[in-house]
Amino acid sequence: MRKKVIMITGAAGEIGQALIDEFAHSEEHELLTLDLHPLPERLHSRFTHIQGDILDKKLFARLVTEFEIDTIFHLAALLSTRSEFAPELAHQVNVDGTLTLLQLAAEQSQRRGEAVRFIFPSSIAAYGLPDLTIKARDFYVREWDWNYPTTMYGCNKLYCELLGSYYSQHYQQLARTKPVMLDFRSVRFPGLISAFTVPAGGTSDYGPEMLHAAAQNKPYACFVREDSTIPFMAMPDAVTALLHLWRAPAAALTRRVYNVTSFSLSAMQFRDRVLQAFPEAHITFQPDISRQGIVDSWPAGLNDEAAQEDWGWQPAYDTQRAFDEYLVPTIRQRHAG
C-alpha cells in the first residue's frame, strides 16, 4: 500500500525550510521532501528526503509507485536574478519542472478519484508596470492588472499560473468523460525576508542583505535607488499564507491566484529601520541599472482584498513587529561573535 504524503519541492530553500518547521509541530502529515541539496541537520526527522532534480521524470515515475501524493507544495525555482543570467535554464527549471509536476498531479487526481492540491508560490515579478508615474498612480495592484513581466522569472511565474489554471479547469476538456481535475492554488508573494536563511539570488534581496551585512559590521552598497519601493513580507507570514490557502475549502475560493502582502517600504525606509537596530551600519546606494529597472517595474504595493475575503488572510507581522520581534533579534543572534 502506498504511503500518503505531502510533497515539498525546493525543500532546502528559504520557504521550504520554514514550511517543514511548521509541519514538524504535528504528526498528522507525512512529508516527502525533494531538493538538489540535502536538508540541514536540524530538519532530519521522520520525513523522507530525496536529493533529486525536478526535471528527472524517471524519479517521479518511481516515487508515484511508492507514495500517494495528496498535496504538492511546489517551491523549487531558479530565482529572478539568476534567471536573467541563464534564461534557458530558468525556463527548464521554472516551467518544464512545473509542467512535469502538474501532469503528475493530474494523473494522481484521476488515479485516486480525488483532487491533488497543488500549492504554487508566485511573485510580484509577474507584474510589469511601464514607468514610475503609473507605479505611483496604481500603488495597490490587483491580480489582473499589469501582467506584463519584464524578466524571465516573471514570465515563468505568470505562465505557470496559467498552466495551473488550465490543469484545474480545462485539462482533457475534449474527453468523453470529464476527468477529476487537480486543485491548483497560487499566491503572488511580495519580497520575502527570512531571518534564518541568507538571501540567495532574489532581486528583492537588497532588504535582507542590508540586515545581514549590518549584523556582521560589513559595509553594504544597495543596488537600487533610495526611493525604490516594493512590498515585503516576513517569512512566517509567507508560510502562514501558503498553509491557510491550502486548508481553505475549495467552495470558498473565487480565483486560482491570490495577492498577499504585508508592508511596503522604500529602500531608504528599509535602511532607516536597519540603522535603528545597528547604528554603526554603513549602507550606501549604488544603483545597478539593470536590477533597478526590474524593481521599478514591480508594484509598490499589492491589493490582497480577495485573499482577505475568501480565506481570511491577514499578516501577523507589520513593519514594526517584523523588525523588532523577528528580523533584528534573530539575525543579531545568528551573527553574534
Protein backbone atom coordinates (compact mmCIF):
# COMPACT_ATOMS: atom_id res chain seq x y z
CA MET A 1 0.00 0.00 0.00
CA ARG A 2 1.39 3.39 -0.97
CA LYS A 3 2.11 5.86 1.81
CA LYS A 4 0.03 9.05 1.73
CA VAL A 5 2.29 12.11 1.75
CA ILE A 6 2.58 15.83 1.20
CA MET A 7 5.37 16.58 -1.27
CA ILE A 8 7.50 19.70 -0.89
CA THR A 9 9.88 20.53 -3.73
CA GLY A 10 12.67 23.04 -3.20
CA ALA A 11 12.61 21.89 0.41
CA ALA A 12 16.10 23.15 1.25
CA GLY A 13 15.26 26.72 0.23
CA GLU A 14 14.05 29.61 2.38
CA ILE A 15 10.32 28.87 2.17
CA GLY A 16 10.84 25.12 2.18
CA GLN A 17 12.75 25.07 5.45
CA ALA A 18 10.20 27.33 7.13
CA LEU A 19 7.31 25.19 5.84
CA ILE A 20 8.94 21.98 7.08
CA ASP A 21 9.39 23.59 10.50
CA GLU A 22 5.65 24.21 10.62
CA PHE A 23 4.75 20.64 9.69
CA ALA A 24 7.28 19.33 12.22
CA HIS A 25 5.00 20.53 15.03
CA SER A 26 2.33 18.00 14.03
CA GLU A 27 2.38 14.25 13.44
CA GLU A 28 -0.77 14.43 11.34
CA HIS A 29 1.05 14.58 7.97
CA GLU A 30 3.90 12.63 6.41
CA LEU A 31 6.26 14.68 4.24
CA LEU A 32 8.16 13.71 1.11
CA THR A 33 10.73 16.44 0.50
CA LEU A 34 12.76 16.97 -2.65
CA ASP A 35 15.73 19.19 -3.42
CA LEU A 36 19.03 19.12 -5.26
CA HIS A 37 20.67 19.64 -1.87
CA PRO A 38 20.44 17.84 1.47
CA LEU A 39 18.31 19.30 4.22
CA PRO A 40 20.06 20.96 7.18
CA GLU A 41 20.76 18.60 10.08
CA ARG A 42 18.10 20.27 12.24
CA LEU A 43 15.41 19.16 9.79
CA HIS A 44 16.40 15.50 9.71
CA SER A 45 13.50 13.69 11.34
CA ARG A 46 10.73 11.30 10.40
CA PHE A 47 10.34 12.89 6.95
CA THR A 48 11.56 11.24 3.76
CA HIS A 49 14.01 13.43 1.85
CA ILE A 50 15.05 12.77 -1.74
CA GLN A 51 18.03 14.51 -3.31
CA GLY A 52 16.97 14.85 -6.90
CA ASP A 53 16.06 17.05 -9.84
CA ILE A 54 12.51 18.14 -10.63
CA LEU A 55 13.41 17.61 -14.30
CA ASP A 56 14.04 13.90 -13.64
CA LYS A 57 10.83 12.25 -14.90
CA LYS A 58 12.15 8.77 -14.08
CA LEU A 59 12.50 9.82 -10.44
CA PHE A 60 8.85 10.87 -10.27
CA ALA A 61 7.74 7.71 -12.06
CA ARG A 62 9.40 5.74 -9.23
CA LEU A 63 8.04 7.97 -6.45
CA VAL A 64 4.39 7.57 -7.50
CA THR A 65 4.74 3.80 -7.17
CA GLU A 66 5.79 4.22 -3.54
CA PHE A 67 3.73 7.22 -2.42
CA GLU A 68 0.19 8.53 -2.76
CA ILE A 69 0.71 12.26 -3.19
CA ASP A 70 -2.13 14.18 -1.52
CA THR A 71 -0.69 17.72 -1.84
CA ILE A 72 2.24 19.29 -3.67
CA PHE A 73 3.89 22.45 -2.39
CA HIS A 74 5.98 23.28 -5.45
CA LEU A 75 8.64 25.67 -4.17
CA ALA A 76 11.60 24.74 -6.40
CA ALA A 77 12.61 27.57 -8.73
CA LEU A 78 15.52 29.45 -10.21
CA LEU A 79 15.17 32.94 -8.73
CA SER A 80 14.90 36.26 -10.53
CA THR A 81 18.50 37.49 -10.71
CA ARG A 82 19.96 34.10 -11.63
CA SER A 83 17.22 33.60 -14.22
CA GLU A 84 18.36 36.69 -16.11
CA PHE A 85 21.86 35.24 -16.47
CA ALA A 86 20.56 31.82 -17.53
CA PRO A 87 17.12 32.26 -19.15
CA GLU A 88 17.07 28.88 -20.89
CA LEU A 89 17.92 27.07 -17.67
CA ALA A 90 15.31 29.18 -15.86
CA HIS A 91 12.67 28.10 -18.35
CA GLN A 92 13.64 24.46 -17.92
CA VAL A 93 13.52 24.59 -14.12
CA ASN A 94 10.64 27.01 -13.62
CA VAL A 95 8.35 25.94 -16.47
CA ASP A 96 9.31 22.43 -17.56
CA GLY A 97 9.71 21.32 -13.95
CA THR A 98 6.32 22.76 -13.03
CA LEU A 99 4.68 21.18 -16.07
CA THR A 100 6.07 17.76 -15.08
CA LEU A 101 4.58 18.13 -11.59
CA LEU A 102 1.23 19.40 -12.89
CA GLN A 103 0.99 16.35 -15.15
CA LEU A 104 1.89 14.10 -12.23
CA ALA A 105 -0.74 15.77 -10.04
CA ALA A 106 -3.36 15.48 -12.78
CA GLU A 107 -2.68 11.76 -13.20
CA GLN A 108 -2.67 11.21 -9.44
CA SER A 109 -6.00 13.05 -9.14
CA GLN A 110 -7.58 10.76 -11.71
CA ARG A 111 -5.98 7.63 -10.26
CA ARG A 112 -7.30 8.21 -6.76
CA GLY A 113 -10.58 9.90 -7.76
CA GLU A 114 -9.83 12.92 -5.60
CA ALA A 115 -8.15 16.21 -6.46
CA VAL A 116 -4.50 16.66 -5.54
CA ARG A 117 -3.97 20.14 -4.13
CA PHE A 118 -1.14 21.92 -5.90
CA ILE A 119 0.16 24.95 -3.98
CA PHE A 120 2.34 27.28 -6.04
CA PRO A 121 4.19 30.37 -4.79
CA SER A 122 4.20 33.04 -7.48
CA SER A 123 5.68 36.52 -7.28
CA ILE A 124 5.32 40.25 -7.86
CA ALA A 125 7.70 39.54 -10.75
CA ALA A 126 4.56 38.52 -12.67
CA TYR A 127 3.77 42.25 -12.93
CA GLY A 128 5.37 44.79 -15.21
CA LEU A 129 4.48 48.47 -14.88
CA PRO A 130 5.67 50.72 -17.70
CA ASP A 131 7.02 53.68 -15.72
CA LEU A 132 7.34 55.27 -12.29
CA THR A 133 4.41 57.63 -12.84
CA ILE A 134 2.00 54.74 -13.31
CA LYS A 135 3.67 52.83 -10.47
CA ALA A 136 2.92 55.75 -8.13
CA ARG A 137 -0.62 56.14 -9.51
CA ASP A 138 -1.53 52.42 -9.33
CA PHE A 139 0.06 51.79 -5.94
CA TYR A 140 -2.04 48.78 -4.88
CA VAL A 141 -2.13 46.50 -7.88
CA ARG A 142 -4.84 43.85 -8.33
CA GLU A 143 -4.21 40.31 -9.58
CA TRP A 144 -5.26 41.05 -13.15
CA ASP A 145 -3.54 44.44 -13.51
CA TRP A 146 -0.31 44.98 -15.40
CA ASN A 147 0.52 41.34 -16.11
CA TYR A 148 3.40 42.27 -18.41
CA PRO A 149 6.54 40.86 -16.72
CA THR A 150 9.92 42.13 -17.86
CA THR A 151 12.03 39.22 -16.55
CA MET A 152 12.33 35.56 -17.47
CA TYR A 153 11.43 34.67 -13.88
CA GLY A 154 8.28 36.80 -14.06
CA CYS A 155 7.31 35.29 -17.42
CA ASN A 156 7.85 31.81 -16.00
CA LYS A 157 5.69 32.51 -12.94
CA LEU A 158 2.84 34.05 -14.93
CA TYR A 159 2.83 31.19 -17.44
CA CYS A 160 2.84 28.58 -14.68
CA GLU A 161 -0.16 30.29 -13.08
CA LEU A 162 -1.96 29.90 -16.41
CA LEU A 163 -0.84 26.28 -16.72
CA GLY A 164 -2.15 25.57 -13.23
CA SER A 165 -5.50 27.12 -14.07
CA TYR A 166 -5.64 25.06 -17.27
CA TYR A 167 -4.95 21.78 -15.46
CA SER A 168 -7.55 22.69 -12.81
CA GLN A 169 -10.33 23.70 -15.17
CA HIS A 170 -9.75 22.61 -18.77
CA TYR A 171 -7.44 19.59 -18.82
CA GLN A 172 -8.71 16.89 -21.20
CA GLN A 173 -11.71 19.07 -21.96
CA LEU A 174 -12.43 17.10 -25.16
CA ALA A 175 -12.51 13.73 -23.39
CA ARG A 176 -15.82 11.84 -23.43
CA THR A 177 -15.94 11.69 -19.65
CA LYS A 178 -14.83 14.59 -17.52
CA PRO A 179 -11.70 13.67 -15.54
CA VAL A 180 -11.06 14.51 -11.90
CA MET A 181 -9.12 17.77 -12.00
CA LEU A 182 -6.26 18.77 -9.73
CA ASP A 183 -6.82 21.72 -7.38
CA PHE A 184 -4.26 24.43 -8.24
CA ARG A 185 -3.85 27.36 -5.84
CA SER A 186 -1.27 30.13 -6.05
CA VAL A 187 -0.16 33.14 -4.02
CA ARG A 188 1.73 36.07 -5.50
CA PHE A 189 4.28 36.97 -2.86
CA PRO A 190 5.99 40.32 -2.33
CA GLY A 191 9.68 40.40 -1.42
CA LEU A 192 10.18 37.78 1.28
CA ILE A 193 12.53 38.32 4.23
CA SER A 194 13.84 35.41 6.28
CA ALA A 195 15.82 35.78 9.48
CA PHE A 196 17.09 32.21 9.32
CA THR A 197 18.46 31.84 5.79
CA VAL A 198 20.85 34.03 3.83
CA PRO A 199 19.45 35.72 0.68
CA ALA A 200 20.08 33.61 -2.41
CA GLY A 201 19.53 35.45 -5.67
CA GLY A 202 16.26 37.36 -5.46
CA THR A 203 16.01 40.87 -6.89
CA SER A 204 14.21 41.99 -3.71
CA ASP A 205 17.09 40.72 -1.56
CA TYR A 206 18.63 44.16 -1.09
CA GLY A 207 16.45 44.48 2.03
CA PRO A 208 17.60 41.38 3.90
CA GLU A 209 21.14 41.86 2.56
CA MET A 210 21.24 45.20 4.41
CA LEU A 211 20.30 43.48 7.65
CA HIS A 212 22.78 40.63 7.36
CA ALA A 213 25.61 43.00 6.41
CA ALA A 214 24.81 45.35 9.31
CA ALA A 215 24.71 42.47 11.80
CA GLN A 216 28.19 41.43 10.63
CA ASN A 217 29.50 45.01 10.74
CA LYS A 218 30.15 44.90 6.99
CA PRO A 219 29.55 47.83 4.63
CA TYR A 220 26.75 47.33 2.13
CA ALA A 221 26.11 49.07 -1.20
CA CYS A 222 22.42 48.81 -2.04
CA PHE A 223 21.83 48.10 -5.74
CA VAL A 224 18.65 50.23 -6.04
CA ARG A 225 17.82 53.91 -5.51
CA GLU A 226 16.74 55.29 -2.16
CA ASP A 227 13.17 55.88 -3.39
CA SER A 228 12.69 52.34 -4.79
CA THR A 229 9.53 50.97 -3.19
CA ILE A 230 8.13 47.43 -3.23
CA PRO A 231 6.04 45.37 -0.80
CA PHE A 232 7.70 42.99 1.66
CA MET A 233 6.65 40.14 3.94
CA ALA A 234 8.30 38.33 6.84
CA MET A 235 8.85 34.63 6.16
CA PRO A 236 6.49 33.39 8.91
CA ASP A 237 3.62 35.23 7.18
CA ALA A 238 4.57 33.64 3.85
CA VAL A 239 4.30 30.17 5.38
CA THR A 240 1.01 31.12 7.03
CA ALA A 241 -0.37 32.28 3.68
CA LEU A 242 0.56 29.01 1.97
CA LEU A 243 -0.96 26.92 4.76
CA HIS A 244 -4.16 28.97 5.01
CA LEU A 245 -4.71 28.80 1.26
CA TRP A 246 -4.01 25.06 1.33
CA ARG A 247 -6.56 24.50 4.09
CA ALA A 248 -9.27 26.76 2.60
CA PRO A 249 -12.43 24.96 1.37
CA ALA A 250 -12.49 24.83 -2.41
CA ALA A 251 -16.00 26.28 -2.43
CA ALA A 252 -14.74 29.46 -0.73
CA LEU A 253 -12.21 30.29 -3.46
CA THR A 254 -13.16 32.67 -6.26
CA ARG A 255 -9.85 32.53 -8.17
CA ARG A 256 -6.76 30.40 -8.66
CA VAL A 257 -4.21 33.14 -7.98
CA TYR A 258 -4.21 35.50 -4.99
CA ASN A 259 -2.13 38.50 -4.00
CA VAL A 260 -0.86 38.57 -0.42
CA THR A 261 1.18 41.32 1.20
CA SER A 262 2.22 42.87 4.49
CA PHE A 263 4.04 46.23 4.30
CA SER A 264 5.65 48.46 1.67
CA LEU A 265 8.95 50.26 2.23
CA SER A 266 11.29 52.35 0.15
CA ALA A 267 14.95 51.30 0.18
CA MET A 268 15.69 54.39 2.29
CA GLN A 269 12.98 53.47 4.80
CA PHE A 270 14.40 49.97 4.97
CA ARG A 271 17.86 51.44 5.60
CA ASP A 272 16.47 53.65 8.36
CA ARG A 273 14.96 50.61 10.08
CA VAL A 274 18.29 48.81 9.87
CA LEU A 275 20.11 51.83 11.34
CA GLN A 276 17.71 51.92 14.28
CA ALA A 277 18.89 48.44 15.21
CA PHE A 278 22.51 48.77 14.06
CA PRO A 279 23.50 52.46 14.39
CA GLU A 280 27.07 51.80 13.24
CA ALA A 281 25.99 50.18 9.97
CA HIS A 282 27.47 51.66 6.79
CA ILE A 283 24.88 51.46 3.99
CA THR A 284 25.24 53.34 0.72
CA PHE A 285 23.29 53.38 -2.53
CA GLN A 286 24.92 52.35 -5.79
CA PRO A 287 22.07 51.50 -8.18
CA ASP A 288 22.66 48.80 -10.74
CA ILE A 289 20.85 49.94 -13.90
CA SER A 290 19.55 46.52 -14.87
CA ARG A 291 18.26 45.44 -11.48
CA GLN A 292 16.93 48.95 -10.84
CA GLY A 293 14.81 48.63 -13.97
CA ILE A 294 13.36 45.36 -12.74
CA VAL A 295 12.44 46.79 -9.33
CA ASP A 296 10.91 49.87 -10.97
CA SER A 297 8.61 47.60 -13.00
CA TRP A 298 7.26 45.89 -9.88
CA PRO A 299 4.32 47.38 -7.99
CA ALA A 300 4.85 49.45 -4.86
CA GLY A 301 2.00 47.60 -3.15
CA LEU A 302 -0.44 44.76 -3.69
CA ASN A 303 -4.21 44.67 -3.36
CA ASP A 304 -4.94 41.49 -1.40
CA GLU A 305 -8.64 42.04 -0.70
CA ALA A 306 -9.62 38.80 -2.46
CA ALA A 307 -7.40 36.74 -0.16
CA GLN A 308 -8.82 38.56 2.87
CA GLU A 309 -12.41 37.92 1.80
CA ASP A 310 -12.08 34.35 0.50
CA TRP A 311 -9.83 32.70 3.08
CA GLY A 312 -9.31 35.21 5.87
CA TRP A 313 -5.79 36.32 5.01
CA GLN A 314 -4.21 38.78 7.45
CA PRO A 315 -0.47 39.25 8.02
CA ALA A 316 0.73 38.87 11.60
CA TYR A 317 3.86 40.96 11.04
CA ASP A 318 3.58 44.64 10.22
CA THR A 319 6.77 46.68 9.74
CA GLN A 320 7.48 47.22 13.42
CA ARG A 321 6.83 43.68 14.56
CA ALA A 322 8.73 42.20 11.59
CA PHE A 323 11.86 44.15 12.52
CA ASP A 324 11.60 44.29 16.31
CA GLU A 325 10.41 40.76 17.08
CA TYR A 326 11.55 38.62 14.16
CA LEU A 327 14.29 40.00 11.92
CA VAL A 328 16.61 42.03 14.15
CA PRO A 329 16.90 39.76 17.21
CA THR A 330 17.22 36.58 15.14
CA ILE A 331 19.77 37.95 12.67
CA ARG A 332 21.69 39.62 15.52
CA GLN A 333 21.94 36.29 17.32
CA ARG A 334 22.87 34.46 14.11
CA HIS A 335 25.91 36.68 13.55
CA ALA A 336 26.85 37.24 17.20
CA GLY A 337 30.60 36.96 17.75
